[in-house]
Amino acid sequence: MVTSFLKNLFKEEGEHEQLCLKGKFPSLDFTEVEMLGRGITDEEIRRGIFGMRSFKAPREDGFHALFYQSQCDGSFFVFSY
């Protein structure tokens, strides 16, 4: 579907097909949409940080997960986010 869309994207004017994604992705109910708008809790951040393996490949900043894990003291994070 993507290949077809990109091929059609560069055709002459008036020859374009519509890319229809309706029904291709699951829809969200009201509760799920509401959850997307709420804030992130310290506990969610903690679970995310400690859910990572300590020495997996670092991100662009060069820090392994262990660095972030070491900055957590109980339920309080030493660094501000």
Protein backbone atom coordinates (compact mmCIF):
# COMPACT_ATOMS: atom_id res chain seq x y z
CA MET A 1 0.00 0.00 0.00
CA VAL A 2 2.84 2.41 0.85
CA THR A 3 4.79 1.57 -2.30
CA SER A 4 1.69 2.11 -4.39
CA PHE A 5 1.05 5.45 -2.69
CA LEU A 6 4.61 6.69 -3.28
CA LYS A 7 4.55 5.63 -6.94
CA ASN A 8 1.28 7.50 -7.39
CA LEU A 9 2.60 10.52 -5.51
CA PHE A 10 4.90 11.49 -8.39
CA LYS A 11 2.47 10.89 -11.24
CA GLU A 12 1.16 13.71 -13.38
CA GLU A 13 -1.57 15.96 -11.97
CA GLY A 14 -5.01 14.40 -11.84
CA GLU A 15 -3.76 10.81 -11.73
CA HIS A 16 -3.39 10.48 -7.93
CA GLU A 17 -5.16 7.77 -5.95
CA GLN A 18 -6.34 8.47 -2.43
CA LEU A 19 -4.49 6.72 0.40
CA CYS A 20 -7.23 5.29 2.58
CA LEU A 21 -6.18 4.26 6.08
CA LYS A 22 -9.70 4.00 7.48
CA GLY A 23 -10.09 0.72 9.32
CA LYS A 24 -6.35 -0.07 9.15
CA PHE A 25 -5.67 0.92 12.78
CA PRO A 26 -7.65 0.02 15.90
CA SER A 27 -9.73 2.84 17.32
CA LEU A 28 -9.42 4.11 20.88
CA ASP A 29 -12.34 4.26 23.27
CA PHE A 30 -13.04 7.33 25.41
CA THR A 31 -11.09 6.01 28.43
CA GLU A 32 -7.96 5.38 26.32
CA VAL A 33 -8.14 8.83 24.74
CA GLU A 34 -8.55 10.38 28.19
CA MET A 35 -5.45 8.50 29.44
CA LEU A 36 -3.36 10.02 26.63
CA GLY A 37 -4.04 13.51 27.95
CA ARG A 38 -3.20 12.94 31.60
CA GLY A 39 0.16 13.63 33.23
CA ILE A 40 2.93 11.11 33.77
CA THR A 41 3.47 10.00 37.36
CA ASP A 42 6.79 9.44 39.12
CA GLU A 43 5.87 5.76 39.46
CA GLU A 44 5.46 5.42 35.68
CA ILE A 45 8.87 7.03 35.15
CA ARG A 46 10.38 4.74 37.77
CA ARG A 47 8.91 1.62 36.13
CA GLY A 48 10.21 2.75 32.76
CA ILE A 49 13.73 3.45 34.02
CA PHE A 50 14.03 0.27 36.04
CA GLY A 51 12.39 -1.76 33.26
CA MET A 52 15.44 -1.10 31.06
CA ARG A 53 18.49 -3.32 31.22
CA SER A 54 21.30 -1.39 32.87
CA PHE A 55 23.96 -1.66 30.16
CA LYS A 56 21.95 -1.76 26.94
CA ALA A 57 23.14 0.49 24.11
CA PRO A 58 23.13 4.15 25.12
CA ARG A 59 20.97 6.73 23.40
CA GLU A 60 22.20 9.90 21.68
CA ASP A 61 23.25 11.39 25.02
CA GLY A 62 25.66 8.47 25.60
CA PHE A 63 24.23 7.49 29.00
CA HIS A 64 23.30 3.89 29.78
CA ALA A 65 20.12 3.17 31.74
CA LEU A 66 22.29 2.54 34.81
CA PHE A 67 23.09 6.26 34.98
CA TYR A 68 19.39 7.14 35.23
CA GLN A 69 18.74 4.26 37.64
CA SER A 70 21.53 5.52 39.89
CA GLN A 71 19.93 8.98 40.05
CA CYS A 72 16.80 7.64 41.71
CA ASP A 73 16.69 7.77 45.50
CA GLY A 74 13.57 5.99 46.75
CA SER A 75 10.57 7.61 45.10
CA PHE A 76 12.39 10.91 44.55
CA PHE A 77 14.43 11.59 41.45
CA VAL A 78 17.63 13.56 42.03
CA PHE A 79 17.51 15.12 38.57
CA SER A 80 14.57 17.27 37.52
CA TYR A 81 12.51 16.39 34.48
